[in-house]
C-alpha atoms as a PDB file:
ATOM      1  CA  MET A   1       7.455   6.007 -19.300  1.00  0.00           C
ATOM      2  CA  GLU A   2      10.750   4.174 -18.822  1.00  0.00           C
ATOM      3  CA  GLU A   3      10.634   0.704 -17.291  1.00  0.00           C
ATOM      4  CA  SER A   4      12.469   1.921 -14.146  1.00  0.00           C
ATOM      5  CA  GLN A   5       9.744   4.537 -13.631  1.00  0.00           C
ATOM      6  CA  LYS A   6       6.704   2.239 -13.775  1.00  0.00           C
ATOM      7  CA  ILE A   7       5.105   2.888 -10.455  1.00  0.00           C
ATOM      8  CA  VAL A   8       2.011   1.398  -8.933  1.00  0.00           C
ATOM      9  CA  LEU A   9      -0.293   2.625  -6.214  1.00  0.00           C
ATOM     10  CA  VAL A  10      -0.972  -0.218  -3.759  1.00  0.00           C
ATOM     11  CA  MET A  11      -3.988   0.129  -1.432  1.00  0.00           C
ATOM     12  CA  THR A  12      -4.852  -1.736   1.717  1.00  0.00           C
ATOM     13  CA  ASN A  13      -6.823  -1.084   4.892  1.00  0.00           C
ATOM     14  CA  LEU A  14      -5.776  -1.724   8.428  1.00  0.00           C
ATOM     15  CA  PRO A  15      -7.991  -2.014  11.561  1.00  0.00           C
ATOM     16  CA  ASP A  16      -6.544   0.939  13.447  1.00  0.00           C
ATOM     17  CA  ARG A  17      -3.944   3.705  13.279  1.00  0.00           C
ATOM     18  CA  PRO A  18      -1.168   2.002  15.155  1.00  0.00           C
ATOM     19  CA  ALA A  19      -1.283  -0.951  12.836  1.00  0.00           C
ATOM     20  CA  ALA A  20      -1.333   1.376   9.815  1.00  0.00           C
ATOM     21  CA  GLU A  21       1.633   3.338  11.099  1.00  0.00           C
ATOM     22  CA  GLY A  22       3.617   0.185  11.825  1.00  0.00           C
ATOM     23  CA  LEU A  23       3.062  -1.177   8.281  1.00  0.00           C
ATOM     24  CA  ALA A  24       3.949   2.196   6.737  1.00  0.00           C
ATOM     25  CA  ASP A  25       7.081   2.543   8.732  1.00  0.00           C
ATOM     26  CA  ARG A  26       8.235  -0.909   7.774  1.00  0.00           C
ATOM     27  CA  LEU A  27       7.517  -0.494   4.121  1.00  0.00           C
ATOM     28  CA  VAL A  28       9.401   2.829   3.980  1.00  0.00           C
ATOM     29  CA  ALA A  29      12.308   1.699   6.258  1.00  0.00           C
ATOM     30  CA  ASP A  30      12.799  -1.460   4.097  1.00  0.00           C
ATOM     31  CA  ARG A  31      12.784   0.698   0.946  1.00  0.00           C
ATOM     32  CA  LEU A  32       9.793  -1.158  -0.419  1.00  0.00           C
ATOM     33  CA  ALA A  33       7.868   2.133  -0.677  1.00  0.00           C
ATOM     34  CA  ALA A  34       8.930   5.662  -1.137  1.00  0.00           C
ATOM     35  CA  CYS A  35       5.920   7.124   0.499  1.00  0.00           C
ATOM     36  CA  VAL A  36       2.851   5.755   2.294  1.00  0.00           C
ATOM     37  CA  ASN A  37      -0.184   7.888   3.001  1.00  0.00           C
ATOM     38  CA  ILE A  38      -2.105   7.064   6.036  1.00  0.00           C
ATOM     39  CA  LEU A  39      -5.673   8.308   5.485  1.00  0.00           C
ATOM     40  CA  ALA A  40      -8.424   9.262   7.887  1.00  0.00           C
ATOM     41  CA  PRO A  41     -10.535   6.256   9.136  1.00  0.00           C
ATOM     42  CA  CYS A  42     -13.326   5.227   6.883  1.00  0.00           C
ATOM     43  CA  THR A  43     -16.273   2.850   7.179  1.00  0.00           C
ATOM     44  CA  SER A  44     -16.159  -0.230   5.059  1.00  0.00           C
ATOM     45  CA  VAL A  45     -19.229  -2.249   4.260  1.00  0.00           C
ATOM     46  CA  TYR A  46     -18.700  -5.819   2.941  1.00  0.00           C
ATOM     47  CA  ARG A  47     -19.977  -9.303   2.901  1.00  0.00           C
ATOM     48  CA  TRP A  48     -17.717 -11.804   4.801  1.00  0.00           C
ATOM     49  CA  GLN A  49     -18.525 -15.477   5.220  1.00  0.00           C
ATOM     50  CA  GLY A  50     -22.100 -14.889   4.259  1.00  0.00           C
ATOM     51  CA  LYS A  51     -22.740 -12.017   6.603  1.00  0.00           C
ATOM     52  CA  LEU A  52     -23.015  -8.240   6.004  1.00  0.00           C
ATOM     53  CA  GLU A  53     -20.160  -6.643   7.946  1.00  0.00           C
ATOM     54  CA  ARG A  54     -19.306  -2.990   8.723  1.00  0.00           C
ATOM     55  CA  ALA A  55     -15.919  -1.952  10.105  1.00  0.00           C
ATOM     56  CA  GLU A  56     -14.016   1.213  10.700  1.00  0.00           C
ATOM     57  CA  GLU A  57     -10.640   0.972   8.932  1.00  0.00           C
ATOM     58  CA  VAL A  58      -7.579   3.075   8.160  1.00  0.00           C
ATOM     59  CA  PRO A  59      -6.679   3.150   4.392  1.00  0.00           C
ATOM     60  CA  LEU A  60      -3.077   3.165   3.161  1.00  0.00           C
ATOM     61  CA  LEU A  61      -1.858   4.481  -0.197  1.00  0.00           C
ATOM     62  CA  ILE A  62       1.525   2.973  -0.920  1.00  0.00           C
ATOM     63  CA  LYS A  63       3.768   4.292  -3.838  1.00  0.00           C
ATOM     64  CA  THR A  64       6.310   1.769  -5.103  1.00  0.00           C
ATOM     65  CA  PRO A  65       7.790   0.509  -8.342  1.00  0.00           C
ATOM     66  CA  ALA A  66       5.871  -2.198 -10.129  1.00  0.00           C
ATOM     67  CA  ALA A  67       8.948  -4.438  -9.779  1.00  0.00           C
ATOM     68  CA  LEU A  68       8.610  -4.423  -6.013  1.00  0.00           C
ATOM     69  CA  TYR A  69       4.883  -5.211  -5.848  1.00  0.00           C
ATOM     70  CA  GLY A  70       5.529  -8.845  -4.888  1.00  0.00           C
ATOM     71  CA  LYS A  71       7.655  -7.890  -1.936  1.00  0.00           C
ATOM     72  CA  VAL A  72       5.235  -5.250  -0.824  1.00  0.00           C
ATOM     73  CA  GLU A  73       2.363  -7.702  -0.926  1.00  0.00           C
ATOM     74  CA  GLN A  74       4.395 -10.300   1.054  1.00  0.00           C
ATOM     75  CA  THR A  75       5.208  -7.690   3.735  1.00  0.00           C
ATOM     76  CA  ILE A  76       1.562  -6.692   4.001  1.00  0.00           C
ATOM     77  CA  LYS A  77       0.435 -10.204   4.337  1.00  0.00           C
ATOM     78  CA  GLU A  78       3.158 -10.775   7.083  1.00  0.00           C
ATOM     79  CA  CYS A  79       2.072  -7.632   9.051  1.00  0.00           C
ATOM     80  CA  HIS A  80      -1.639  -7.619   8.512  1.00  0.00           C
ATOM     81  CA  PRO A  81      -3.987  -8.935  11.253  1.00  0.00           C
ATOM     82  CA  TYR A  82      -6.817  -9.944   8.835  1.00  0.00           C
ATOM     83  CA  GLU A  83      -7.327 -13.410   7.504  1.00  0.00           C
ATOM     84  CA  LEU A  84      -7.789 -11.962   3.968  1.00  0.00           C
ATOM     85  CA  PRO A  85      -6.480  -8.366   3.679  1.00  0.00           C
ATOM     86  CA  GLU A  86      -7.463  -6.063   0.784  1.00  0.00           C
ATOM     87  CA  ILE A  87      -4.307  -5.659  -1.297  1.00  0.00           C
ATOM     88  CA  VAL A  88      -4.847  -4.104  -4.690  1.00  0.00           C
ATOM     89  CA  ALA A  89      -2.479  -2.336  -7.023  1.00  0.00           C
ATOM     90  CA  VAL A  90      -3.271   0.263  -9.719  1.00  0.00           C
ATOM     91  CA  PRO A  91      -0.686   1.091 -12.340  1.00  0.00           C
ATOM     92  CA  LEU A  92      -0.055   4.798 -12.810  1.00  0.00           C
ATOM     93  CA  ALA A  93      -0.733   5.897 -16.433  1.00  0.00           C
ATOM     94  CA  ALA A  94       1.236   9.113 -15.926  1.00  0.00           C
ATOM     95  CA  GLY A  95       2.906  11.247 -13.271  1.00  0.00           C
ATOM     96  CA  LEU A  96       5.185  14.080 -12.815  1.00  0.00           C
ATOM     97  CA  PRO A  97       8.566  12.608 -14.135  1.00  0.00           C
ATOM     98  CA  ALA A  98      10.594  14.025 -11.257  1.00  0.00           C
ATOM     99  CA  TYR A  99       8.149  12.534  -8.681  1.00  0.00           C
ATOM    100  CA  LEU A 100       8.259   9.124 -10.436  1.00  0.00           C
ATOM    101  CA  ALA A 101      12.043   9.216 -10.486  1.00  0.00           C
ATOM    102  CA  TRP A 102      12.079   9.975  -6.778  1.00  0.00           C
ATOM    103  CA  VAL A 103       9.849   7.051  -6.005  1.00  0.00           C
ATOM    104  CA  ALA A 104      12.203   4.850  -7.974  1.00  0.00           C
ATOM    105  CA  GLY A 105      15.303   6.316  -6.299  1.00  0.00           C
ATOM    106  CA  GLU A 106      13.948   5.977  -2.741  1.00  0.00           C
ATOM    107  CA  THR A 107      13.281   2.280  -3.300  1.00  0.00           C
ATOM    108  CA  ALA A 108      16.494   1.391  -5.021  1.00  0.00           C
ATOM    109  CA  GLU A 109      18.735  -0.912  -3.173  1.00  0.00           C
END
């Protein structure tokens, strides 16, 4: 895979659909992501500050070039209401070359 086509899948969760849509719109409008999938709400179970917590959240799947990860992370932190948002990126080992090229093209300045 060419350097320009190294794509990552960034995942985060938002507390509700309006917050998820707002972040998705900003990432795509700012050309930091080619596509953001807003998934159905899910239940997250986790330990926070020593207590077992359960929350309904809206997951986002963000497709972006690896080179833009830092800007994506910063934008998520700016827009996210949580003190410590989940922000993880997974490198894609392979993908349809035309799709990867589209992601790169839609995020090019």
